[in-house]
């Protein structure tokens, strides 16, 4: 389950930001998770609660904003929505679609006290 290591990375980001900016308590962590990122939001939410124990984000709410998948079709030179990696282009049916969005995961915002 790689979501546990992702949650540990989020904890490190939150704690580093707390040290750098001088805050002591995080109320909400907002993440952006791409539809094509291979991250299971439910598993990450579970791991988040476990990993944040005894940290400045202990008890913090987790908000996950989904980022839709997007790709560039080499055949018809169009930017197209895609639901999964290696999906065909919805316009021409070509499988030569390179993902250009929705593969990322990032800490977007921290709400602090």
C-alpha atoms as a PDB file:
ATOM      1  CA  UNK A   1       0.000   0.000   0.000  1.00  0.00           C
ATOM      2  CA  UNK A   2       1.919   3.050  -1.213  1.00  0.00           C
ATOM      3  CA  UNK A   3      -0.682   5.401   0.270  1.00  0.00           C
ATOM      4  CA  UNK A   4       1.007   4.968   3.674  1.00  0.00           C
ATOM      5  CA  UNK A   5       4.304   6.331   2.344  1.00  0.00           C
ATOM      6  CA  UNK A   6       2.396   9.147   0.603  1.00  0.00           C
ATOM      7  CA  UNK A   7       0.733  10.049   3.913  1.00  0.00           C
ATOM      8  CA  UNK A   8       4.153  10.057   5.585  1.00  0.00           C
ATOM      9  CA  UNK A   9       5.383  12.430   2.879  1.00  0.00           C
ATOM     10  CA  UNK A  10       2.400  14.710   3.519  1.00  0.00           C
ATOM     11  CA  UNK A  11       3.231  14.712   7.234  1.00  0.00           C
ATOM     12  CA  UNK A  12       6.784  15.743   6.441  1.00  0.00           C
ATOM     13  CA  UNK A  13       5.565  18.590   4.202  1.00  0.00           C
ATOM     14  CA  UNK A  14       3.148  19.792   6.897  1.00  0.00           C
ATOM     15  CA  UNK A  15       5.754  19.659   9.655  1.00  0.00           C
ATOM     16  CA  UNK A  16       8.381  21.397   7.494  1.00  0.00           C
ATOM     17  CA  UNK A  17       5.894  24.171   6.697  1.00  0.00           C
ATOM     18  CA  UNK A  18       5.047  24.509  10.388  1.00  0.00           C
ATOM     19  CA  UNK A  19       8.699  24.907  11.329  1.00  0.00           C
ATOM     20  CA  UNK A  20       9.391  27.346   8.487  1.00  0.00           C
ATOM     21  CA  UNK A  21       6.320  29.507   9.085  1.00  0.00           C
ATOM     22  CA  UNK A  22       5.948  29.155  12.838  1.00  0.00           C
ATOM     23  CA  UNK A  23       2.483  27.656  13.191  1.00  0.00           C
ATOM     24  CA  UNK A  24       1.673  24.903  15.677  1.00  0.00           C
ATOM     25  CA  UNK A  25      -1.693  23.445  14.656  1.00  0.00           C
ATOM     26  CA  UNK A  26      -3.169  22.459  11.299  1.00  0.00           C
ATOM     27  CA  UNK A  27      -6.969  22.264  11.055  1.00  0.00           C
ATOM     28  CA  UNK A  28      -7.340  21.178   7.417  1.00  0.00           C
ATOM     29  CA  UNK A  29      -5.045  19.741   4.767  1.00  0.00           C
ATOM     30  CA  UNK A  30      -6.210  20.203   1.177  1.00  0.00           C
ATOM     31  CA  UNK A  31      -4.764  17.858  -1.438  1.00  0.00           C
ATOM     32  CA  UNK A  32      -5.116  17.776  -5.198  1.00  0.00           C
ATOM     33  CA  UNK A  33      -5.065  14.222  -6.508  1.00  0.00           C
ATOM     34  CA  UNK A  34      -5.147  13.500 -10.207  1.00  0.00           C
ATOM     35  CA  UNK A  35      -7.535  10.903 -11.575  1.00  0.00           C
ATOM     36  CA  UNK A  36      -4.584   9.228 -13.325  1.00  0.00           C
ATOM     37  CA  UNK A  37      -2.223   9.314 -10.326  1.00  0.00           C
ATOM     38  CA  UNK A  38      -2.839   5.724  -9.153  1.00  0.00           C
ATOM     39  CA  UNK A  39      -3.662   7.020  -5.665  1.00  0.00           C
ATOM     40  CA  UNK A  40      -6.710   5.576  -3.926  1.00  0.00           C
ATOM     41  CA  UNK A  41      -8.285   8.532  -2.074  1.00  0.00           C
ATOM     42  CA  UNK A  42     -10.088   6.315   0.474  1.00  0.00           C
ATOM     43  CA  UNK A  43      -6.896   4.438   1.362  1.00  0.00           C
ATOM     44  CA  UNK A  44      -4.955   7.702   1.594  1.00  0.00           C
ATOM     45  CA  UNK A  45      -7.615   9.188   3.902  1.00  0.00           C
ATOM     46  CA  UNK A  46      -7.301   6.166   6.208  1.00  0.00           C
ATOM     47  CA  UNK A  47      -3.508   6.356   6.214  1.00  0.00           C
ATOM     48  CA  UNK A  48      -3.618  10.134   6.746  1.00  0.00           C
ATOM     49  CA  UNK A  49      -5.484   9.749  10.043  1.00  0.00           C
ATOM     50  CA  UNK A  50      -3.012   7.121  11.268  1.00  0.00           C
ATOM     51  CA  UNK A  51       0.151   8.958  10.200  1.00  0.00           C
ATOM     52  CA  UNK A  52      -0.908  12.377  11.537  1.00  0.00           C
ATOM     53  CA  UNK A  53      -1.224  11.121  15.134  1.00  0.00           C
ATOM     54  CA  UNK A  54       1.044  13.094  17.494  1.00  0.00           C
ATOM     55  CA  UNK A  55       1.881  15.687  14.817  1.00  0.00           C
ATOM     56  CA  UNK A  56       0.813  19.305  14.310  1.00  0.00           C
ATOM     57  CA  UNK A  57      -1.931  17.918  12.051  1.00  0.00           C
ATOM     58  CA  UNK A  58      -3.306  15.435  14.603  1.00  0.00           C
ATOM     59  CA  UNK A  59      -7.087  15.499  14.168  1.00  0.00           C
ATOM     60  CA  UNK A  60      -6.908  17.660  11.030  1.00  0.00           C
ATOM     61  CA  UNK A  61      -9.556  17.279   8.362  1.00  0.00           C
ATOM     62  CA  UNK A  62      -8.452  16.016   4.971  1.00  0.00           C
ATOM     63  CA  UNK A  63     -10.025  17.537   1.878  1.00  0.00           C
ATOM     64  CA  UNK A  64      -9.267  15.892  -1.454  1.00  0.00           C
ATOM     65  CA  UNK A  65      -9.856  17.821  -4.665  1.00  0.00           C
ATOM     66  CA  UNK A  66      -9.955  15.570  -7.724  1.00  0.00           C
ATOM     67  CA  UNK A  67      -8.099  16.668 -10.857  1.00  0.00           C
ATOM     68  CA  UNK A  68      -9.528  15.162 -14.064  1.00  0.00           C
ATOM     69  CA  UNK A  69      -7.325  13.239 -16.461  1.00  0.00           C
ATOM     70  CA  UNK A  70      -6.201  14.974 -19.618  1.00  0.00           C
ATOM     71  CA  UNK A  71      -4.055  13.907 -22.534  1.00  0.00           C
ATOM     72  CA  UNK A  72      -2.643  15.070 -25.819  1.00  0.00           C
ATOM     73  CA  UNK A  73      -3.466  12.942 -28.860  1.00  0.00           C
ATOM     74  CA  UNK A  74      -0.526  12.662 -31.259  1.00  0.00           C
ATOM     75  CA  UNK A  75      -2.792  11.529 -34.079  1.00  0.00           C
ATOM     76  CA  UNK A  76      -5.302  14.406 -34.132  1.00  0.00           C
ATOM     77  CA  UNK A  77      -3.175  16.942 -32.184  1.00  0.00           C
ATOM     78  CA  UNK A  78      -5.953  17.640 -29.675  1.00  0.00           C
ATOM     79  CA  UNK A  79      -6.026  17.937 -25.912  1.00  0.00           C
ATOM     80  CA  UNK A  80      -8.641  15.448 -24.739  1.00  0.00           C
ATOM     81  CA  UNK A  81     -10.161  14.229 -21.474  1.00  0.00           C
ATOM     82  CA  UNK A  82      -9.123  10.696 -20.478  1.00  0.00           C
ATOM     83  CA  UNK A  83     -10.411   8.562 -17.632  1.00  0.00           C
ATOM     84  CA  UNK A  84      -7.457   6.158 -17.438  1.00  0.00           C
ATOM     85  CA  UNK A  85      -3.911   5.885 -18.700  1.00  0.00           C
ATOM     86  CA  UNK A  86      -3.729   4.249 -22.125  1.00  0.00           C
ATOM     87  CA  UNK A  87      -7.340   5.121 -22.975  1.00  0.00           C
ATOM     88  CA  UNK A  88      -7.941   5.836 -26.658  1.00  0.00           C
ATOM     89  CA  UNK A  89      -8.574   9.344 -27.923  1.00  0.00           C
ATOM     90  CA  UNK A  90     -12.317  10.043 -27.689  1.00  0.00           C
ATOM     91  CA  UNK A  91     -12.147  11.932 -31.015  1.00  0.00           C
ATOM     92  CA  UNK A  92     -10.168   9.689 -33.372  1.00  0.00           C
ATOM     93  CA  UNK A  93      -9.778   6.417 -31.430  1.00  0.00           C
ATOM     94  CA  UNK A  94      -5.960   6.505 -31.526  1.00  0.00           C
ATOM     95  CA  UNK A  95      -4.055   4.999 -28.612  1.00  0.00           C
ATOM     96  CA  UNK A  96      -1.224   7.494 -29.069  1.00  0.00           C
ATOM     97  CA  UNK A  97      -2.395   9.689 -26.203  1.00  0.00           C
ATOM     98  CA  UNK A  98       0.137  11.105 -23.777  1.00  0.00           C
ATOM     99  CA  UNK A  99      -1.116  12.104 -20.324  1.00  0.00           C
ATOM    100  CA  UNK A 100      -0.686  15.841 -19.718  1.00  0.00           C
ATOM    101  CA  UNK A 101      -2.800  16.336 -16.593  1.00  0.00           C
ATOM    102  CA  UNK A 102      -4.352  14.422 -13.759  1.00  0.00           C
ATOM    103  CA  UNK A 103      -1.207  12.485 -12.847  1.00  0.00           C
ATOM    104  CA  UNK A 104      -0.172  14.730  -9.970  1.00  0.00           C
ATOM    105  CA  UNK A 105      -0.694  14.763  -6.239  1.00  0.00           C
ATOM    106  CA  UNK A 106       0.171  17.831  -4.212  1.00  0.00           C
ATOM    107  CA  UNK A 107      -0.537  19.596  -0.959  1.00  0.00           C
ATOM    108  CA  UNK A 108      -2.566  22.553  -2.176  1.00  0.00           C
ATOM    109  CA  UNK A 109      -3.430  24.336   1.058  1.00  0.00           C
ATOM    110  CA  UNK A 110      -3.127  24.180   4.835  1.00  0.00           C
ATOM    111  CA  UNK A 111      -5.674  25.759   7.136  1.00  0.00           C
ATOM    112  CA  UNK A 112      -3.964  26.627  10.402  1.00  0.00           C
ATOM    113  CA  UNK A 113      -4.916  27.957  13.817  1.00  0.00           C
END
